[in-house]
Amino acid sequence: MEWIQQTLKHSPEIMLFLSLAIGFWIGRIHYGKFQLGGVAGSLLAAVVLSLVGVSVDNGVKSLLFALFIYAVGFESGPQFFKSLGPQSLREILLAVFTAVAGLVTVIVMAKIFALDKGMAAGLAAGGMTQSAIIGTAGDALSRLGLPAAEVQTLQANVAIGYAVSYIFGSLGAIIICVNVLPRLMGRDIRDDAIKAEAERLKGALVFAPGQEPAIPEIVGRLYQISAGAGKTVAAVEQAAGASTITVERIKRNGQLIAIGPDVSLRAGDIVLVVGRRSGVVTMADGLGAELQSEPGMDVIMETQDVVLRNPAYAGKSLGEIKRSTSPTLRHGVYILGITRADEPVVPSDDAVVKTGDVITVYGTEQDIKRVVAEAGAPLSADIKTDFVFHGAGLVVGLLIGLIVIRAGTIPLTLGAGGGALLSGLLFGWLRSRHQTMGNLPSQASQLLKDLGLAGFVAAVGLQSGSQAFHTIASSGLTLFMIGVVVTLVPLLLAMLFGRYVLRYDNAAIFAGALAGSRSANPAFGGVLDKAGNSIPTVPFAITYALANVFLTLLGPLIVAFA
């Protein structure tokens, strides 16, 4: 056993990944409708493995959490800044209420169980998973004018209270936000996340990788000309009206011929028509019999995102652009969608485009190149991450986290996590304005979030689990149970306040806001996993930023009133 322990101490990363493997296995197990999830499972596995006596360096823990919270912020930057304003009042009130409920709960428990100021502050720091309370409470204790030995004892009790309550502080928040809240509302986080996403997308369909519509908007059909004999290519294309079609290939007497607007079709010609489904179907009777296939008639089509940069088109509707541009320029190109700051714009003739819009076009390679050269710049579908951009983003975030502002004698700081979140939001917004930089593939972002959060909570469990076990063994379950109350009561009260006073009616949005109001990062990870999209992120980002300030202020208030 001693040999194993010494080996693991030389390679503590083994314990980290073992915690993740066991934790995610536990997290898959269902108990009826209850499922622990990979994050909570990793925490529990790490707490048990901490008995081996191997912990992970603080730097690893900070790095993993910074990666997670930066990726979350980057993904939600455009929506976050768009949501700021009077509509954020609910999140502000929820964050204030949660902090006040936490303060009152700690003070009441301290009075009932005759806890000293240090122990009360430690239970608050652990039960509400706000480590900054340790620092602010310790500073406040040193200013009480007590003998040095007594101050040292009180400050030591802060650490003990924190160690006893922190593990359940994380786990309890996951249970409340991921499992209890949906049951209270009678709603499902995933269903509400999909509903909110559909409202945000204004009815636009978004397909996951591997998905496509059964009835596509753009289709290609082969026809053998009979009724269309004598018509020019231009006449066929113009006859479709608003539902644009394009004659892409003509085969005559077994040979492909050059295509031009004045080329006349002859009986027996085989033509490939590409265009919007309604136009192609409408023109079928006017051309001839449809063929299933014909050698040499297939054409490779491409889909390309283009960032609009040409000021000549900015501020104009698509209808105006169609009327003012030459047929040669727009020939064979179809607009499938428009995105502005990650928000969809319906590509109707009335839609007005702006500089920076991302326009998705469809056509042959030469047609797309012609339009890209005229409109702006292609947006690469590169699978590589722009590490220059994101490395700078993380540096900026960590530097922001070093900034300390003092409110009297109380130091206020966002810390590394808050700084990385703010930087992620800023750089995500910047990416939405300048789409040609800052690429972060969705798969890479998901890895950062999954590994970052699960690795962070596993590191916490490996560091604090053993100490918590020893403290509980020496002092009994009383302190642990007080920590449970400090964790659950403020969350339950905030949940009722949010549901019945603030009138939250979407479980995904409410769960994100509640997790943020308690700065409960593992709980937010569980909510995000349940939601399956980024809907909970915006309310979380708002309440999380506020909670970092409000909960930090609890340290000296607990010392003053406990």
Protein backbone atom coordinates (compact mmCIF):
# COMPACT_ATOMS: atom_id res chain seq x y z
CA MET A 1 0.00 0.00 0.00
CA GLU A 2 2.83 2.39 0.89
CA TRP A 3 4.54 1.66 -2.45
CA ILE A 4 1.32 2.45 -4.33
CA GLN A 5 0.90 5.70 -2.40
CA GLN A 6 4.46 6.81 -3.11
CA THR A 7 4.07 5.97 -6.81
CA LEU A 8 0.82 7.97 -7.02
CA LYS A 9 2.39 10.94 -5.25
CA HIS A 10 4.98 11.05 -8.02
CA SER A 11 2.18 10.95 -10.63
CA PRO A 12 -0.89 12.54 -8.99
CA GLU A 13 -2.47 13.05 -12.41
CA ILE A 14 -3.32 9.32 -12.30
CA MET A 15 -5.70 10.01 -9.42
CA LEU A 16 -7.27 12.90 -11.33
CA PHE A 17 -8.10 10.85 -14.40
CA LEU A 18 -9.10 7.83 -12.30
CA SER A 19 -11.61 10.10 -10.53
CA LEU A 20 -12.98 11.22 -13.90
CA ALA A 21 -13.29 7.66 -15.23
CA ILE A 22 -15.04 6.34 -12.12
CA GLY A 23 -17.09 9.51 -11.72
CA PHE A 24 -18.51 9.52 -15.23
CA TRP A 25 -19.29 5.81 -14.89
CA ILE A 26 -21.21 6.50 -11.68
CA GLY A 27 -22.86 9.50 -13.31
CA ARG A 28 -24.47 7.31 -16.00
CA ILE A 29 -26.44 5.29 -13.46
CA HIS A 30 -30.15 6.11 -13.27
CA TYR A 31 -32.25 5.89 -10.09
CA GLY A 32 -35.69 6.27 -11.59
CA LYS A 33 -35.62 9.78 -13.05
CA PHE A 34 -32.64 10.79 -10.90
CA GLN A 35 -29.19 10.76 -12.47
CA LEU A 36 -26.12 12.05 -10.68
CA GLY A 37 -24.23 13.11 -13.81
CA GLY A 38 -20.52 13.06 -14.58
CA VAL A 39 -19.58 16.19 -12.64
CA ALA A 40 -21.15 15.14 -9.33
CA GLY A 41 -19.93 11.58 -9.90
CA SER A 42 -16.35 12.82 -10.36
CA LEU A 43 -16.60 14.80 -7.13
CA LEU A 44 -17.80 11.80 -5.13
CA ALA A 45 -15.19 9.50 -6.67
CA ALA A 46 -12.42 11.99 -5.89
CA VAL A 47 -13.59 12.37 -2.26
CA VAL A 48 -13.32 8.61 -1.74
CA LEU A 49 -9.97 8.39 -3.56
CA SER A 50 -8.64 11.26 -1.42
CA LEU A 51 -8.28 8.73 1.43
CA VAL A 52 -5.23 7.41 -0.41
CA GLY A 53 -3.55 10.68 0.57
CA VAL A 54 -2.68 12.03 -2.88
CA SER A 55 -3.81 15.50 -3.91
CA VAL A 56 -3.48 17.64 -7.02
CA ASP A 57 -1.63 20.95 -7.18
CA ASN A 58 -3.68 24.15 -6.87
CA GLY A 59 -2.28 25.34 -10.17
CA VAL A 60 -3.84 22.39 -12.00
CA LYS A 61 -7.18 23.09 -10.36
CA SER A 62 -7.08 26.77 -11.34
CA LEU A 63 -6.03 25.96 -14.90
CA LEU A 64 -8.86 23.48 -15.43
CA PHE A 65 -11.49 25.85 -14.07
CA ALA A 66 -10.17 28.76 -16.14
CA LEU A 67 -10.47 26.65 -19.32
CA PHE A 68 -14.04 25.66 -18.45
CA ILE A 69 -15.35 29.09 -17.54
CA TYR A 70 -13.60 30.83 -20.47
CA ALA A 71 -15.18 28.39 -22.95
CA VAL A 72 -18.60 28.96 -21.37
CA GLY A 73 -18.19 32.73 -21.61
CA PHE A 74 -16.89 32.63 -25.18
CA GLU A 75 -19.87 30.59 -26.32
CA SER A 76 -22.38 33.04 -24.83
CA GLY A 77 -20.71 36.42 -25.33
CA PRO A 78 -23.03 37.84 -28.01
CA GLN A 79 -26.24 36.80 -26.20
CA PHE A 80 -24.90 38.04 -22.84
CA PHE A 81 -24.27 41.60 -23.94
CA LYS A 82 -27.53 41.66 -25.84
CA SER A 83 -29.42 40.60 -22.70
CA LEU A 84 -28.02 43.34 -20.45
CA GLY A 85 -30.56 45.98 -19.52
CA PRO A 86 -33.87 46.17 -17.66
CA GLN A 87 -34.57 42.56 -18.63
CA SER A 88 -31.71 41.50 -16.30
CA LEU A 89 -33.52 42.81 -13.18
CA ARG A 90 -34.70 39.32 -12.21
CA GLU A 91 -31.14 38.00 -12.17
CA ILE A 92 -29.97 40.94 -10.04
CA LEU A 93 -32.76 40.42 -7.50
CA LEU A 94 -32.12 36.67 -7.39
CA ALA A 95 -28.41 37.18 -6.67
CA VAL A 96 -29.18 39.68 -3.89
CA PHE A 97 -31.81 37.42 -2.32
CA THR A 98 -29.53 34.36 -2.37
CA ALA A 99 -26.73 36.26 -0.63
CA VAL A 100 -29.08 37.66 2.04
CA ALA A 101 -30.68 34.24 2.59
CA GLY A 102 -27.22 32.74 3.02
CA LEU A 103 -26.19 35.40 5.54
CA VAL A 104 -29.35 34.97 7.63
CA THR A 105 -29.07 31.17 7.56
CA VAL A 106 -25.47 31.21 8.78
CA ILE A 107 -26.17 33.71 11.56
CA VAL A 108 -29.23 31.75 12.77
CA MET A 109 -27.30 28.46 12.81
CA ALA A 110 -24.39 30.14 14.62
CA LYS A 111 -26.75 31.41 17.35
CA ILE A 112 -28.56 28.07 17.75
CA PHE A 113 -25.39 25.95 17.97
CA ALA A 114 -23.18 28.56 19.66
CA LEU A 115 -20.62 28.58 16.87
CA ASP A 116 -17.74 31.01 17.11
CA LYS A 117 -17.23 33.62 14.40
CA GLY A 118 -14.48 31.66 12.66
CA MET A 119 -16.44 28.42 12.43
CA ALA A 120 -19.53 30.26 11.19
CA ALA A 121 -17.54 32.00 8.46
CA GLY A 122 -15.88 28.72 7.44
CA LEU A 123 -19.22 26.94 7.14
CA ALA A 124 -20.48 29.83 5.00
CA ALA A 125 -17.42 29.66 2.74
CA GLY A 126 -17.75 25.91 2.24
CA GLY A 127 -21.53 25.57 2.30
CA MET A 128 -21.88 28.32 -0.31
CA THR A 129 -18.66 27.33 -2.16
CA GLN A 130 -17.30 30.86 -2.06
CA SER A 131 -13.65 30.52 -1.07
CA ALA A 132 -13.17 34.30 -1.00
CA ILE A 133 -15.14 34.38 2.28
CA ILE A 134 -12.14 32.72 3.94
CA GLY A 135 -9.97 35.72 3.07
CA THR A 136 -12.48 38.45 3.93
CA ALA A 137 -13.52 36.74 7.17
CA GLY A 138 -9.90 36.13 8.19
CA ASP A 139 -9.08 39.79 7.60
CA ALA A 140 -12.13 40.87 9.60
CA LEU A 141 -11.17 38.56 12.49
CA SER A 142 -7.70 40.10 12.64
CA ARG A 143 -9.29 43.53 13.16
CA LEU A 144 -11.42 42.57 16.18
CA GLY A 145 -8.72 43.58 18.64
CA LEU A 146 -8.59 40.12 20.22
CA PRO A 147 -5.44 38.45 21.57
CA ALA A 148 -3.26 36.94 18.85
CA ALA A 149 -3.77 33.37 20.10
CA GLU A 150 -7.55 33.74 20.02
CA VAL A 151 -7.45 35.26 16.53
CA GLN A 152 -5.30 32.36 15.35
CA THR A 153 -7.81 29.86 16.77
CA LEU A 154 -10.72 31.60 15.08
CA GLN A 155 -8.88 31.73 11.76
CA ALA A 156 -8.05 28.02 12.07
CA ASN A 157 -11.76 27.32 12.64
CA VAL A 158 -12.52 29.08 9.36
CA ALA A 159 -10.45 26.47 7.55
CA ILE A 160 -12.05 23.60 9.51
CA GLY A 161 -15.60 24.78 8.78
CA TYR A 162 -14.70 25.20 5.13
CA ALA A 163 -13.22 21.70 4.84
CA VAL A 164 -16.24 20.06 6.47
CA SER A 165 -18.88 21.81 4.36
CA TYR A 166 -17.32 22.37 0.95
CA ILE A 167 -17.92 18.92 -0.53
CA PHE A 168 -21.65 18.94 0.16
CA GLY A 169 -21.71 22.62 -0.79
CA SER A 170 -20.87 21.51 -4.31
CA LEU A 171 -22.93 18.33 -4.36
CA GLY A 172 -26.02 19.87 -2.75
CA ALA A 173 -26.13 22.68 -5.29
CA ILE A 174 -26.03 20.12 -8.12
CA ILE A 175 -28.93 18.19 -6.61
CA ILE A 176 -31.07 21.32 -6.11
CA CYS A 177 -30.40 22.94 -9.49
CA VAL A 178 -30.42 19.82 -11.65
CA ASN A 179 -33.02 17.62 -9.93
CA VAL A 180 -35.16 19.49 -7.38
CA LEU A 181 -35.82 22.68 -9.35
CA PRO A 182 -37.31 20.92 -12.42
CA ARG A 183 -39.60 18.89 -10.13
CA LEU A 184 -40.80 22.03 -8.34
CA MET A 185 -41.63 23.64 -11.69
CA GLY A 186 -43.04 20.45 -13.21
CA ARG A 187 -40.86 21.07 -16.23
CA ASP A 188 -37.82 19.49 -17.86
CA ILE A 189 -34.57 21.44 -18.28
CA ARG A 190 -33.88 19.91 -21.69
CA ASP A 191 -37.39 20.61 -23.01
CA ASP A 192 -37.33 24.22 -21.81
CA ALA A 193 -33.84 24.73 -23.23
CA ILE A 194 -35.04 23.54 -26.64
CA LYS A 195 -38.10 25.80 -26.38
CA ALA A 196 -36.00 28.85 -25.49
CA GLU A 197 -33.53 28.06 -28.27
CA ALA A 198 -36.38 27.83 -30.78
CA GLU A 199 -37.69 31.24 -29.65
CA ARG A 200 -34.20 32.72 -29.96
CA LEU A 201 -33.77 31.29 -33.44
CA LYS A 202 -37.14 32.76 -34.50
CA GLY A 203 -38.26 29.49 -36.06
CA ALA A 204 -35.04 28.85 -37.99
CA LEU A 205 -34.02 25.21 -38.08
CA VAL A 206 -30.60 24.28 -36.72
CA PHE A 207 -29.33 20.82 -37.57
CA ALA A 208 -26.80 18.90 -35.51
CA PRO A 209 -23.86 17.19 -37.23
CA GLY A 210 -25.19 14.28 -39.27
CA GLN A 211 -28.71 15.74 -39.53
CA GLU A 212 -30.39 17.17 -42.61
CA PRO A 213 -33.99 17.87 -43.67
CA ALA A 214 -35.93 15.16 -45.47
CA ILE A 215 -37.25 17.78 -47.89
CA PRO A 216 -34.29 20.10 -48.63
CA GLU A 217 -34.82 23.70 -49.75
CA ILE A 218 -32.32 23.43 -52.64
CA VAL A 219 -32.70 20.47 -55.00
CA GLY A 220 -31.31 19.26 -58.34
CA ARG A 221 -33.34 17.48 -61.01
CA LEU A 222 -32.59 15.96 -64.45
CA TYR A 223 -35.08 16.48 -67.27
CA GLN A 224 -35.20 15.26 -70.87
CA ILE A 225 -36.50 18.19 -72.86
CA SER A 226 -39.76 17.85 -74.74
CA ALA A 227 -42.21 20.60 -73.74
CA GLY A 228 -39.30 22.99 -73.18
CA ALA A 229 -37.92 22.69 -76.72
CA GLY A 230 -37.22 26.09 -78.24
CA LYS A 231 -36.91 27.93 -74.91
CA THR A 232 -33.66 29.71 -74.10
CA VAL A 233 -31.77 29.07 -70.87
CA ALA A 234 -32.60 32.63 -69.75
CA ALA A 235 -36.32 32.08 -70.43
CA VAL A 236 -36.36 28.86 -68.38
CA GLU A 237 -34.57 30.48 -65.45
CA GLN A 238 -36.73 33.63 -65.50
CA ALA A 239 -39.97 31.65 -65.70
CA ALA A 240 -39.44 30.41 -62.14
CA GLY A 241 -39.96 33.95 -60.83
CA ALA A 242 -39.05 34.51 -57.19
CA SER A 243 -38.24 30.82 -56.74
CA THR A 244 -34.88 30.98 -58.49
CA ILE A 245 -33.56 28.08 -60.54
CA THR A 246 -30.38 27.62 -62.57
CA VAL A 247 -29.63 25.45 -65.58
CA GLU A 248 -26.26 23.99 -64.61
CA ARG A 249 -25.58 21.48 -67.42
CA ILE A 250 -26.89 20.55 -70.87
CA LYS A 251 -26.09 17.33 -72.70
CA ARG A 252 -26.92 17.19 -76.42
CA ASN A 253 -26.35 14.11 -78.53
CA GLY A 254 -24.25 12.57 -75.75
CA GLN A 255 -21.96 15.60 -75.38
CA LEU A 256 -21.93 18.40 -72.79
CA ILE A 257 -22.32 21.80 -74.44
CA ALA A 258 -21.42 25.28 -73.23
CA ILE A 259 -24.17 27.09 -71.34
CA GLY A 260 -25.16 30.70 -71.88
CA PRO A 261 -28.38 32.70 -71.43
CA ASP A 262 -29.10 32.66 -75.19
CA VAL A 263 -28.63 28.92 -75.68
CA SER A 264 -31.88 27.34 -76.93
CA LEU A 265 -32.97 23.95 -75.70
CA ARG A 266 -33.80 21.21 -78.20
CA ALA A 267 -35.99 18.16 -77.94
CA GLY A 268 -34.02 15.27 -76.46
CA ASP A 269 -31.56 17.52 -74.59
CA ILE A 270 -30.85 16.43 -71.05
CA VAL A 271 -30.58 19.33 -68.59
CA LEU A 272 -29.61 19.57 -64.93
CA VAL A 273 -31.72 22.15 -63.12
CA VAL A 274 -30.69 23.29 -59.61
CA GLY A 275 -32.70 25.67 -57.46
CA ARG A 276 -35.25 26.18 -54.77
CA ARG A 277 -37.56 23.22 -54.55
CA SER A 278 -40.77 25.14 -55.30
CA GLY A 279 -39.29 26.62 -58.48
CA VAL A 280 -37.87 23.33 -59.74
CA VAL A 281 -41.16 21.50 -59.14
CA THR A 282 -43.15 24.29 -60.82
CA MET A 283 -40.98 24.18 -63.96
CA ALA A 284 -41.10 20.40 -64.36
CA ASP A 285 -44.16 20.27 -66.64
CA GLY A 286 -42.72 22.98 -68.86
CA LEU A 287 -39.50 21.05 -69.51
CA GLY A 288 -40.13 17.36 -69.97
CA ALA A 289 -39.84 13.97 -68.30
CA GLU A 290 -37.68 13.66 -65.20
CA LEU A 291 -34.75 11.24 -65.35
CA GLN A 292 -33.29 9.31 -62.44
CA SER A 293 -29.67 9.66 -63.56
CA GLU A 294 -27.39 10.41 -66.49
CA PRO A 295 -23.63 9.82 -66.72
CA GLY A 296 -21.53 12.98 -66.56
CA MET A 297 -24.39 15.25 -65.52
CA ASP A 298 -23.70 15.54 -61.80
CA VAL A 299 -22.23 18.78 -60.43
CA ILE A 300 -20.47 19.31 -57.10
CA MET A 301 -22.20 22.04 -55.08
CA GLU A 302 -20.73 23.83 -52.08
CA THR A 303 -22.04 25.68 -49.03
CA GLN A 304 -19.96 28.63 -47.84
CA ASP A 305 -20.32 31.18 -45.04
CA VAL A 306 -19.38 34.68 -46.19
CA VAL A 307 -18.72 37.67 -43.91
CA LEU A 308 -20.25 40.77 -45.53
CA ARG A 309 -17.64 43.55 -45.76
CA ASN A 310 -18.58 45.46 -48.91
CA PRO A 311 -20.19 48.74 -47.73
CA ALA A 312 -22.04 49.01 -51.05
CA TYR A 313 -24.46 46.32 -49.86
CA ALA A 314 -24.70 47.22 -46.15
CA GLY A 315 -28.05 48.70 -45.16
CA LYS A 316 -29.84 47.30 -48.21
CA SER A 317 -32.52 44.61 -48.34
CA LEU A 318 -31.93 41.39 -50.23
CA GLY A 319 -34.64 42.45 -52.67
CA GLU A 320 -32.80 45.70 -53.42
CA ILE A 321 -29.53 43.85 -53.90
CA LYS A 322 -31.13 41.40 -56.33
CA ARG A 323 -32.59 44.25 -58.38
CA SER A 324 -29.42 46.34 -58.43
CA THR A 325 -26.81 43.65 -59.17
CA SER A 326 -26.16 42.09 -62.55
CA PRO A 327 -27.67 38.68 -63.34
CA THR A 328 -24.17 37.40 -64.04
CA LEU A 329 -23.04 38.17 -60.48
CA ARG A 330 -25.91 36.48 -58.69
CA HIS A 331 -26.37 33.63 -61.20
CA GLY A 332 -26.34 30.17 -59.60
CA VAL A 333 -25.96 31.41 -56.02
CA TYR A 334 -28.60 30.80 -53.36
CA ILE A 335 -28.76 32.39 -49.92
CA LEU A 336 -29.58 29.76 -47.31
CA GLY A 337 -29.34 31.87 -44.17
CA ILE A 338 -28.09 35.03 -42.49
CA THR A 339 -26.59 35.25 -39.00
CA ARG A 340 -25.99 38.48 -37.10
CA ALA A 341 -24.14 38.32 -33.75
CA ASP A 342 -25.07 34.63 -33.52
CA GLU A 343 -28.75 35.49 -34.04
CA PRO A 344 -30.54 34.21 -37.16
CA VAL A 345 -32.10 36.62 -39.67
CA VAL A 346 -34.75 35.21 -42.01
CA PRO A 347 -33.31 35.61 -45.57
CA SER A 348 -36.46 37.11 -47.14
CA ASP A 349 -36.41 39.86 -49.78
CA ASP A 350 -37.23 42.37 -46.99
CA ALA A 351 -34.25 41.34 -44.83
CA VAL A 352 -31.71 44.17 -44.50
CA VAL A 353 -28.07 43.07 -44.34
CA LYS A 354 -25.36 44.81 -42.34
CA THR A 355 -21.57 44.81 -42.35
CA GLY A 356 -20.34 41.81 -40.37
CA ASP A 357 -23.35 39.63 -41.15
CA VAL A 358 -22.54 36.02 -41.93
CA ILE A 359 -24.37 34.97 -45.09
CA THR A 360 -24.58 31.29 -45.98
CA VAL A 361 -24.54 30.77 -49.74
CA TYR A 362 -24.92 27.68 -51.91
CA GLY A 363 -23.69 27.07 -55.45
CA THR A 364 -20.88 25.73 -57.58
CA GLU A 365 -17.29 26.54 -56.68
CA GLN A 366 -16.87 29.19 -59.39
CA ASP A 367 -20.20 30.85 -58.58
CA ILE A 368 -19.37 31.04 -54.88
CA LYS A 369 -15.88 32.42 -55.53
CA ARG A 370 -17.40 35.18 -57.66
CA VAL A 371 -19.84 36.21 -54.92
CA VAL A 372 -17.26 35.96 -52.11
CA ALA A 373 -14.88 38.24 -54.01
CA GLU A 374 -17.68 40.80 -54.39
CA ALA A 375 -19.27 40.58 -50.92
CA GLY A 376 -16.48 40.13 -48.41
CA ALA A 377 -14.44 37.28 -47.01
CA PRO A 378 -15.05 33.54 -46.71
CA LEU A 379 -15.52 32.19 -43.21
CA SER A 380 -13.37 29.11 -42.98
CA ALA A 381 -14.87 25.88 -41.64
CA ASP A 382 -11.46 25.10 -40.18
CA ILE A 383 -11.30 22.48 -37.42
CA LYS A 384 -8.22 24.16 -35.92
CA THR A 385 -8.44 26.39 -32.86
CA ASP A 386 -7.10 29.95 -33.10
CA PHE A 387 -4.72 29.70 -30.15
CA VAL A 388 -3.34 33.20 -30.73
CA PHE A 389 -6.80 34.66 -30.12
CA HIS A 390 -7.81 32.38 -27.25
CA GLY A 391 -4.41 32.41 -25.58
CA ALA A 392 -4.67 36.19 -25.48
CA GLY A 393 -8.23 35.86 -24.15
CA LEU A 394 -7.15 33.69 -21.24
CA VAL A 395 -4.21 35.97 -20.43
CA VAL A 396 -6.53 38.98 -20.34
CA GLY A 397 -9.00 37.10 -18.15
CA LEU A 398 -6.38 35.97 -15.64
CA LEU A 399 -4.98 39.50 -15.46
CA ILE A 400 -8.48 40.85 -14.79
CA GLY A 401 -8.74 38.29 -12.00
CA LEU A 402 -5.69 39.82 -10.31
CA ILE A 403 -7.38 43.23 -9.97
CA VAL A 404 -8.45 43.99 -6.39
CA ILE A 405 -10.78 46.86 -5.50
CA ARG A 406 -11.20 47.73 -1.84
CA ALA A 407 -14.53 48.71 -0.30
CA GLY A 408 -13.12 50.16 2.89
CA THR A 409 -11.06 47.33 4.32
CA ILE A 410 -12.84 44.64 2.27
CA PRO A 411 -10.96 43.45 -0.84
CA LEU A 412 -13.22 42.70 -3.81
CA THR A 413 -11.96 40.73 -6.77
CA LEU A 414 -13.40 38.58 -9.54
CA GLY A 415 -10.59 36.08 -9.10
CA ALA A 416 -9.20 33.90 -11.88
CA GLY A 417 -12.59 32.29 -12.56
CA GLY A 418 -14.54 35.53 -12.75
CA GLY A 419 -11.83 37.14 -14.85
CA ALA A 420 -11.76 34.22 -17.29
CA LEU A 421 -15.56 34.34 -17.55
CA LEU A 422 -15.59 38.08 -18.27
CA SER A 423 -12.79 37.71 -20.81
CA GLY A 424 -14.59 34.81 -22.47
CA LEU A 425 -17.73 36.94 -22.80
CA LEU A 426 -15.75 39.83 -24.29
CA PHE A 427 -13.78 37.68 -26.71
CA GLY A 428 -16.93 35.78 -27.70
CA TRP A 429 -18.61 39.08 -28.52
CA LEU A 430 -15.51 40.18 -30.45
CA ARG A 431 -15.56 36.94 -32.45
CA SER A 432 -19.21 37.58 -33.38
CA ARG A 433 -18.18 40.96 -34.82
CA HIS A 434 -15.08 39.69 -36.61
CA GLN A 435 -15.84 36.14 -37.66
CA THR A 436 -12.59 35.57 -39.54
CA MET A 437 -10.64 35.33 -36.27
CA GLY A 438 -11.01 33.44 -33.02
CA ASN A 439 -12.11 30.08 -34.43
CA LEU A 440 -13.04 27.55 -31.75
CA PRO A 441 -14.69 24.39 -33.16
CA SER A 442 -17.69 23.21 -31.16
CA GLN A 443 -16.00 19.89 -30.38
CA ALA A 444 -12.96 21.69 -28.94
CA SER A 445 -15.20 23.95 -26.88
CA GLN A 446 -17.11 20.95 -25.51
CA LEU A 447 -13.86 19.25 -24.50
CA LEU A 448 -12.72 22.38 -22.65
CA LYS A 449 -16.03 22.52 -20.77
CA ASP A 450 -16.26 18.81 -19.94
CA LEU A 451 -12.63 18.27 -18.96
CA GLY A 452 -12.29 21.68 -17.32
CA LEU A 453 -15.26 21.40 -14.95
CA ALA A 454 -15.06 17.69 -14.16
CA GLY A 455 -11.29 17.95 -13.66
CA PHE A 456 -11.76 20.98 -11.39
CA VAL A 457 -14.27 19.28 -9.07
CA ALA A 458 -12.15 16.13 -9.02
CA ALA A 459 -9.14 18.20 -7.92
CA VAL A 460 -11.29 19.79 -5.20
CA GLY A 461 -12.38 16.37 -3.98
CA LEU A 462 -8.83 15.04 -3.90
CA GLN A 463 -7.66 18.09 -1.96
CA SER A 464 -10.49 18.47 0.56
CA GLY A 465 -12.06 15.03 0.91
CA SER A 466 -9.57 13.49 3.30
CA GLN A 467 -9.53 16.53 5.58
CA ALA A 468 -13.33 16.58 5.66
CA PHE A 469 -13.44 12.89 6.67
CA HIS A 470 -10.92 13.46 9.48
CA THR A 471 -12.75 16.54 10.77
CA ILE A 472 -16.11 14.75 10.78
CA ALA A 473 -14.53 11.77 12.54
CA SER A 474 -13.09 13.99 15.29
CA SER A 475 -16.00 16.40 15.78
CA GLY A 476 -19.00 14.23 14.87
CA LEU A 477 -21.65 14.90 12.29
CA THR A 478 -22.94 18.13 13.84
CA LEU A 479 -20.71 20.46 11.86
CA PHE A 480 -21.36 18.51 8.67
CA MET A 481 -25.13 18.72 9.15
CA ILE A 482 -24.93 22.45 9.85
CA GLY A 483 -23.03 22.77 6.58
CA VAL A 484 -25.81 20.85 4.84
CA VAL A 485 -28.36 23.35 6.19
CA VAL A 486 -26.19 26.29 5.09
CA THR A 487 -26.04 24.79 1.60
CA LEU A 488 -29.68 23.79 1.16
CA VAL A 489 -31.76 26.45 2.92
CA PRO A 490 -30.57 29.50 0.92
CA LEU A 491 -30.91 27.55 -2.33
CA LEU A 492 -34.41 26.32 -1.50
CA LEU A 493 -35.55 29.80 -0.42
CA ALA A 494 -34.03 31.36 -3.55
CA MET A 495 -35.72 28.69 -5.66
CA LEU A 496 -39.13 29.54 -4.16
CA PHE A 497 -38.44 33.28 -4.47
CA GLY A 498 -37.49 32.92 -8.11
CA ARG A 499 -40.45 30.72 -8.98
CA TYR A 500 -43.27 32.51 -7.18
CA VAL A 501 -42.05 36.11 -6.83
CA LEU A 502 -39.77 36.64 -9.84
CA ARG A 503 -41.99 34.35 -11.94
CA TYR A 504 -39.35 32.29 -13.70
CA ASP A 505 -41.24 29.93 -16.00
CA ASN A 506 -38.37 28.34 -17.95
CA ALA A 507 -36.50 25.63 -16.03
CA ALA A 508 -33.29 25.92 -18.08
CA ILE A 509 -33.02 29.70 -17.63
CA PHE A 510 -33.97 29.54 -13.94
CA ALA A 511 -31.53 26.70 -13.17
CA GLY A 512 -28.69 28.65 -14.79
CA ALA A 513 -29.57 31.81 -12.85
CA LEU A 514 -29.88 29.92 -9.55
CA ALA A 515 -26.52 28.16 -10.00
CA GLY A 516 -24.86 31.50 -10.75
CA SER A 517 -26.45 33.27 -7.77
CA ARG A 518 -24.67 30.77 -5.52
CA SER A 519 -21.48 30.78 -7.65
CA ALA A 520 -22.08 27.02 -7.90
CA ASN A 521 -19.90 26.09 -10.87
CA PRO A 522 -20.36 22.30 -10.64
CA ALA A 523 -24.13 22.80 -10.48
CA PHE A 524 -23.99 24.98 -13.57
CA GLY A 525 -22.02 22.28 -15.36
CA GLY A 526 -24.78 19.80 -14.50
CA VAL A 527 -27.45 22.21 -15.74
CA LEU A 528 -25.54 22.80 -18.97
CA ASP A 529 -25.23 19.06 -19.51
CA LYS A 530 -28.97 18.57 -18.98
CA ALA A 531 -29.89 21.49 -21.25
CA GLY A 532 -27.80 20.34 -24.18
CA ASN A 533 -27.34 23.91 -25.43
CA SER A 534 -26.10 27.28 -24.16
CA ILE A 535 -29.47 28.69 -23.00
CA PRO A 536 -28.62 28.58 -19.22
CA THR A 537 -25.32 30.39 -19.75
CA VAL A 538 -26.52 34.00 -20.06
CA PRO A 539 -28.52 34.10 -16.79
CA PHE A 540 -25.68 32.21 -15.08
CA ALA A 541 -23.09 34.73 -16.26
CA ILE A 542 -25.09 37.65 -14.86
CA THR A 543 -25.83 36.15 -11.43
CA TYR A 544 -22.37 34.59 -11.17
CA ALA A 545 -20.64 37.95 -11.61
CA LEU A 546 -22.87 39.50 -8.94
CA ALA A 547 -22.51 36.55 -6.57
CA ASN A 548 -18.73 36.86 -6.63
CA VAL A 549 -19.17 40.31 -5.10
CA PHE A 550 -22.18 39.75 -2.81
CA LEU A 551 -20.98 36.45 -1.32
CA THR A 552 -17.47 37.81 -0.79
CA LEU A 553 -18.99 40.58 1.33
CA LEU A 554 -20.55 38.01 3.65
CA GLY A 555 -17.21 37.33 5.39
CA PRO A 556 -17.01 40.53 7.45
CA LEU A 557 -20.81 40.60 7.94
CA ILE A 558 -20.75 37.12 9.50
CA VAL A 559 -17.84 38.13 11.73
CA ALA A 560 -19.80 41.22 12.79
CA PHE A 561 -23.15 39.57 13.55
CA ALA A 562 -22.50 35.87 14.31
